Amino acid sequence: RIPLPADYTGLSYESAQLANPGYFSRSNTELVMLVRQLGSKGVLRLGGSTSDYDTWKPEQIARNASWSEPVNPDNGQGATVRAEVTETAIDELRGFLDATGWTVIYGIDLGHGSPESAADEAAYVVKKLGPTLMALQIGNEPDLFVKDIRKPNYGYADYFQEWQSFAAAIHRRTPEAPLAGPDITEQLDWVEQFAKQATGISLLTSHYYAEGPPESPDADIDHLLAPSPDLRAQMDRLVSIVKSAKLPYRMAEGNSCYNGGKPGVSDSFASALWGA
């Protein structure tokens, strides 16, 4: 048996939401209340596609019209939002985490960033978030970089070489920074290789989506609630990998249907049952 930890519950958001610092904020009392109702402990994950396009701006900003507005999920069908993440957003995020009792997995831009910028951002995030930071993730779904971010033959070796340069830059500035990865979609070989090769990591992560794309006729409630041998097989293999690596694991991102979800399925009670 594997006991469920107290912080088993999690919510994953796009990093672009940080461009509106008042959303993840102690002052957003409605969201604080909703999150606390999910559990006194849990893990907020900030990443997604936009985390590989955002820009770190080490500055404080004033309240504006979009201060606390929600940002819709990135459905992968158009230009990815290029958000600006500021010190103010991290300051407000710390207040939100303190108010909810949750911790955070924080995404760092590997897709379009640089080791130097990553080190700057990580240094501020680690200092400001302190014990509320579970881990920093460098890159989101790197096994899909071949689609539009990297060359067509981009593979694990290319990814790991880049990851190492970012991780080294971060640890030179902030030796205590906790790192996680590889945050892939389905290439479990990447998780196994990463677990064996990466040093200074505290968490292994990957993603899982039950269905997709939304236009597929098989993306429906019947398929969603049917037994999933594929999920069971993935989890069995992941359990084997993490036991061998002696590291914890989290499904850092998961949902009923990728590309933003499917109306009538992802926004239905069936999706809540599937999630549980």
Protein backbone atom coordinates (compact mmCIF):
# COMPACT_ATOMS: atom_id res chain seq x y z
CA ARG A 1 0.00 0.00 0.00
CA ILE A 2 1.05 3.60 -0.63
CA PRO A 3 -0.52 6.05 1.86
CA LEU A 4 -1.81 9.34 0.48
CA PRO A 5 0.13 12.32 1.88
CA ALA A 6 -1.69 15.21 3.55
CA ASP A 7 -0.83 17.45 0.58
CA TYR A 8 -2.05 14.98 -2.06
CA THR A 9 -4.48 17.54 -3.49
CA GLY A 10 -3.07 19.83 -6.18
CA LEU A 11 -4.06 22.52 -8.65
CA SER A 12 -2.06 23.43 -11.76
CA TYR A 13 -2.20 26.90 -13.32
CA GLU A 14 -0.46 28.59 -16.22
CA SER A 15 2.50 30.79 -15.23
CA ALA A 16 0.86 33.57 -17.27
CA GLN A 17 -1.54 34.05 -14.33
CA LEU A 18 1.34 35.66 -12.42
CA ALA A 19 1.18 38.63 -14.81
CA ASN A 20 -1.85 39.66 -12.72
CA PRO A 21 -0.27 39.68 -9.24
CA GLY A 22 -3.52 40.15 -7.37
CA TYR A 23 -4.90 36.74 -8.36
CA PHE A 24 -2.61 34.60 -6.21
CA SER A 25 -2.78 37.04 -3.33
CA ARG A 26 -3.91 37.05 0.29
CA SER A 27 -6.29 39.84 -0.72
CA ASN A 28 -8.11 37.51 -3.17
CA THR A 29 -10.20 36.22 -0.27
CA GLU A 30 -12.66 34.24 -2.42
CA LEU A 31 -9.89 32.18 -4.01
CA VAL A 32 -8.19 31.71 -0.65
CA MET A 33 -11.45 30.35 0.77
CA LEU A 34 -12.07 28.03 -2.19
CA VAL A 35 -8.54 26.60 -2.02
CA ARG A 36 -8.73 26.10 1.75
CA GLN A 37 -11.98 24.18 1.26
CA LEU A 38 -10.05 21.70 -0.89
CA GLY A 39 -7.76 21.00 2.02
CA SER A 40 -5.64 22.65 4.67
CA LYS A 41 -2.60 21.41 2.76
CA GLY A 42 -2.03 21.03 -0.96
CA VAL A 43 0.30 21.89 -3.81
CA LEU A 44 -0.18 24.73 -6.27
CA ARG A 45 1.74 24.23 -9.50
CA LEU A 46 2.56 27.25 -11.68
CA GLY A 47 3.83 26.21 -15.11
CA GLY A 48 2.13 25.03 -18.27
CA SER A 49 2.95 26.10 -21.80
CA THR A 50 3.26 29.77 -20.87
CA SER A 51 6.09 29.05 -18.41
CA ASP A 52 8.40 28.52 -21.40
CA TYR A 53 7.47 31.91 -22.85
CA ASP A 54 7.29 34.22 -19.85
CA THR A 55 9.79 36.95 -18.99
CA TRP A 56 11.26 37.63 -15.57
CA LYS A 57 11.25 41.35 -14.69
CA PRO A 58 12.92 42.07 -11.34
CA GLU A 59 10.80 45.07 -10.45
CA GLN A 60 7.82 46.12 -8.37
CA ILE A 61 4.61 47.16 -10.14
CA ALA A 62 1.53 49.10 -9.08
CA ARG A 63 -2.07 47.87 -9.14
CA ASN A 64 -3.76 48.11 -12.52
CA ALA A 65 -7.06 47.19 -14.19
CA SER A 66 -6.11 43.51 -14.62
CA TRP A 67 -4.52 43.17 -11.16
CA SER A 68 -6.66 40.23 -9.99
CA GLU A 69 -8.21 38.98 -13.26
CA PRO A 70 -8.04 35.25 -14.09
CA VAL A 71 -6.16 34.11 -17.20
CA ASN A 72 -7.76 31.43 -19.34
CA PRO A 73 -5.93 28.12 -19.95
CA ASP A 74 -3.62 27.97 -22.94
CA ASN A 75 -5.36 25.67 -25.45
CA GLY A 76 -2.35 25.28 -27.71
CA GLN A 77 -4.27 26.55 -30.74
CA GLY A 78 -2.84 30.05 -31.04
CA ALA A 79 0.14 32.18 -30.13
CA THR A 80 1.30 31.45 -26.61
CA VAL A 81 0.94 34.31 -24.14
CA ARG A 82 4.24 36.00 -23.29
CA ALA A 83 3.64 37.13 -19.73
CA GLU A 84 5.85 39.31 -17.56
CA VAL A 85 6.47 37.93 -14.07
CA THR A 86 7.62 40.50 -11.52
CA GLU A 87 8.85 40.61 -7.94
CA THR A 88 5.41 41.90 -7.00
CA ALA A 89 3.81 38.68 -8.26
CA ILE A 90 6.14 36.58 -6.10
CA ASP A 91 5.53 38.82 -3.07
CA GLU A 92 1.77 38.41 -3.46
CA LEU A 93 2.14 34.66 -4.10
CA ARG A 94 3.88 34.23 -0.74
CA GLY A 95 0.93 35.88 0.98
CA PHE A 96 -1.48 33.56 -0.84
CA LEU A 97 0.47 30.46 0.16
CA ASP A 98 0.65 31.58 3.79
CA ALA A 99 -3.11 32.22 3.80
CA THR A 100 -3.98 28.82 2.31
CA GLY A 101 -1.34 26.65 3.96
CA TRP A 102 -0.33 25.27 0.55
CA THR A 103 3.09 24.99 -1.09
CA VAL A 104 4.07 25.61 -4.71
CA ILE A 105 5.93 23.98 -7.59
CA TYR A 106 7.25 26.91 -9.63
CA GLY A 107 8.07 26.75 -13.35
CA ILE A 108 11.22 28.31 -14.83
CA ASP A 109 11.49 29.18 -18.54
CA LEU A 110 13.70 26.68 -20.38
CA GLY A 111 12.09 27.10 -23.81
CA HIS A 112 13.05 30.73 -24.45
CA GLY A 113 14.98 31.74 -21.35
CA SER A 114 18.67 31.78 -20.44
CA PRO A 115 20.60 30.26 -17.52
CA GLU A 116 21.41 33.75 -16.26
CA SER A 117 17.81 34.93 -16.23
CA ALA A 118 16.71 31.65 -14.68
CA ALA A 119 19.26 32.09 -11.90
CA ASP A 120 18.03 35.63 -11.20
CA GLU A 121 14.39 34.54 -11.04
CA ALA A 122 15.14 31.45 -8.98
CA ALA A 123 17.17 33.46 -6.46
CA TYR A 124 14.25 35.80 -5.78
CA VAL A 125 11.66 33.01 -5.74
CA VAL A 126 13.66 30.86 -3.28
CA LYS A 127 14.39 33.82 -1.00
CA LYS A 128 10.83 35.14 -1.00
CA LEU A 129 8.86 31.88 -0.89
CA GLY A 130 11.11 30.11 1.59
CA PRO A 131 9.44 27.02 3.09
CA THR A 132 6.35 27.45 0.90
CA LEU A 133 8.40 26.48 -2.17
CA MET A 134 8.29 22.74 -2.84
CA ALA A 135 10.46 22.84 -5.97
CA LEU A 136 11.51 24.73 -9.08
CA GLN A 137 10.82 23.05 -12.42
CA ILE A 138 13.00 23.99 -15.39
CA GLY A 139 10.88 23.62 -18.52
CA ASN A 140 7.36 22.35 -19.21
CA GLU A 141 6.76 19.21 -21.29
CA PRO A 142 10.23 19.27 -22.91
CA ASP A 143 9.42 16.05 -24.76
CA LEU A 144 7.06 18.20 -26.87
CA PHE A 145 9.66 20.90 -27.63
CA VAL A 146 10.04 19.29 -31.06
CA LYS A 147 6.65 20.71 -32.04
CA ASP A 148 7.60 24.38 -32.07
CA ILE A 149 10.36 25.31 -29.61
CA ARG A 150 13.35 23.19 -30.71
CA LYS A 151 14.70 21.35 -33.77
CA PRO A 152 12.73 18.35 -35.08
CA ASN A 153 15.26 15.81 -33.78
CA TYR A 154 15.41 17.29 -30.26
CA GLY A 155 15.69 14.42 -27.80
CA TYR A 156 16.40 13.59 -24.18
CA ALA A 157 20.17 14.14 -24.49
CA ASP A 158 19.59 17.65 -25.87
CA TYR A 159 17.13 18.42 -23.10
CA PHE A 160 19.35 17.14 -20.31
CA GLN A 161 22.33 19.13 -21.54
CA GLU A 162 20.23 22.29 -21.44
CA TRP A 163 18.72 21.38 -18.09
CA GLN A 164 22.16 20.89 -16.59
CA SER A 165 23.32 24.36 -17.69
CA PHE A 166 20.23 25.99 -16.15
CA ALA A 167 20.45 23.92 -12.97
CA ALA A 168 24.14 24.75 -12.56
CA ALA A 169 23.48 28.48 -12.97
CA ILE A 170 20.67 28.35 -10.43
CA HIS A 171 22.73 26.42 -7.88
CA ARG A 172 25.73 28.72 -8.26
CA ARG A 173 23.52 31.61 -7.15
CA THR A 174 21.22 29.69 -4.81
CA PRO A 175 22.76 26.38 -3.68
CA GLU A 176 19.71 25.47 -1.59
CA ALA A 177 17.24 25.77 -4.50
CA PRO A 178 15.09 22.59 -4.67
CA LEU A 179 14.73 21.30 -8.24
CA ALA A 180 12.21 18.96 -9.88
CA GLY A 181 11.62 17.43 -13.30
CA PRO A 182 11.50 16.36 -16.04
CA ASP A 183 7.79 17.32 -16.21
CA ILE A 184 7.15 15.37 -19.43
CA THR A 185 3.87 14.45 -21.10
CA GLU A 186 4.28 10.71 -21.66
CA GLN A 187 7.92 9.82 -22.37
CA LEU A 188 8.51 7.80 -19.19
CA ASP A 189 11.97 6.86 -20.49
CA TRP A 190 12.86 10.51 -19.88
CA VAL A 191 11.77 10.21 -16.24
CA GLU A 192 13.88 7.10 -15.77
CA GLN A 193 16.98 8.63 -17.36
CA PHE A 194 16.49 11.92 -15.51
CA ALA A 195 16.17 10.10 -12.19
CA LYS A 196 19.50 8.36 -12.81
CA GLN A 197 21.44 11.35 -14.17
CA ALA A 198 20.17 14.54 -12.54
CA THR A 199 21.80 15.68 -9.32
CA GLY A 200 20.44 18.08 -6.72
CA ILE A 201 16.79 17.22 -7.41
CA SER A 202 14.14 16.67 -4.75
CA LEU A 203 11.13 15.59 -6.83
CA LEU A 204 10.25 13.72 -10.04
CA THR A 205 7.28 14.92 -12.11
CA SER A 206 5.26 14.08 -15.20
CA HIS A 207 1.82 14.79 -16.71
CA TYR A 208 -1.25 12.77 -17.61
CA TYR A 209 -4.33 13.57 -19.70
CA ALA A 210 -7.13 11.07 -20.04
CA GLU A 211 -8.39 12.23 -23.44
CA GLY A 212 -7.72 14.54 -26.35
CA PRO A 213 -7.82 16.39 -28.56
CA PRO A 214 -11.28 17.88 -27.84
CA GLU A 215 -12.49 17.25 -31.42
CA SER A 216 -11.90 13.50 -31.07
CA PRO A 217 -15.19 11.53 -30.97
CA ASP A 218 -13.61 9.31 -28.31
CA ALA A 219 -13.21 12.28 -25.96
CA ASP A 220 -16.48 11.71 -24.12
CA ILE A 221 -17.79 10.85 -20.65
CA ASP A 222 -18.09 7.12 -21.32
CA HIS A 223 -14.43 6.86 -22.25
CA LEU A 224 -13.41 9.18 -19.40
CA LEU A 225 -15.04 7.05 -16.71
CA ALA A 226 -14.05 3.69 -18.16
CA PRO A 227 -11.12 1.79 -16.57
CA SER A 228 -7.74 2.97 -17.89
CA PRO A 229 -5.15 0.21 -18.24
CA ASP A 230 -2.79 2.83 -19.71
CA LEU A 231 -2.90 4.99 -16.58
CA ARG A 232 -2.39 1.97 -14.34
CA ALA A 233 0.58 0.85 -16.42
CA GLN A 234 2.12 4.33 -16.30
CA MET A 235 1.69 4.60 -12.54
CA ASP A 236 3.12 1.12 -11.95
CA ARG A 237 6.21 2.03 -13.95
CA LEU A 238 6.57 5.39 -12.21
CA VAL A 239 6.32 3.75 -8.80
CA SER A 240 9.15 1.43 -9.83
CA ILE A 241 11.27 4.36 -11.07
CA VAL A 242 10.83 6.53 -7.96
CA LYS A 243 11.41 3.64 -5.57
CA SER A 244 14.69 2.90 -7.34
CA ALA A 245 15.66 6.59 -7.29
CA LYS A 246 14.51 7.04 -3.67
CA LEU A 247 12.75 10.25 -4.67
CA PRO A 248 9.14 11.40 -4.29
CA TYR A 249 6.90 11.85 -7.33
CA ARG A 250 3.99 14.12 -8.27
CA MET A 251 1.71 14.23 -11.28
CA ALA A 252 2.35 17.96 -11.67
CA GLU A 253 -0.28 18.46 -14.38
CA GLY A 254 -3.27 16.36 -15.30
CA ASN A 255 -6.77 16.78 -16.63
CA SER A 256 -9.62 15.11 -18.47
CA CYS A 257 -8.80 16.46 -21.96
CA TYR A 258 -5.81 18.37 -23.28
CA ASN A 259 -5.87 21.55 -25.43
CA GLY A 260 -8.01 23.41 -22.93
CA GLY A 261 -10.60 20.72 -22.20
CA LYS A 262 -13.85 19.67 -23.92
CA PRO A 263 -17.22 21.32 -23.23
CA GLY A 264 -19.72 18.86 -21.85
CA VAL A 265 -16.94 16.64 -20.53
CA SER A 266 -14.27 18.66 -18.76
CA ASP A 267 -16.82 21.02 -17.21
CA SER A 268 -19.17 18.24 -16.09
CA PHE A 269 -19.62 16.33 -12.83
CA ALA A 270 -18.07 13.33 -14.58
CA SER A 271 -14.78 15.21 -14.73
CA ALA A 272 -14.90 15.74 -10.96
CA LEU A 273 -15.48 12.01 -10.44
CA TRP A 274 -12.57 11.20 -12.77
CA GLY A 275 -10.31 13.65 -10.95
CA ALA A 276 -11.07 12.07 -7.59
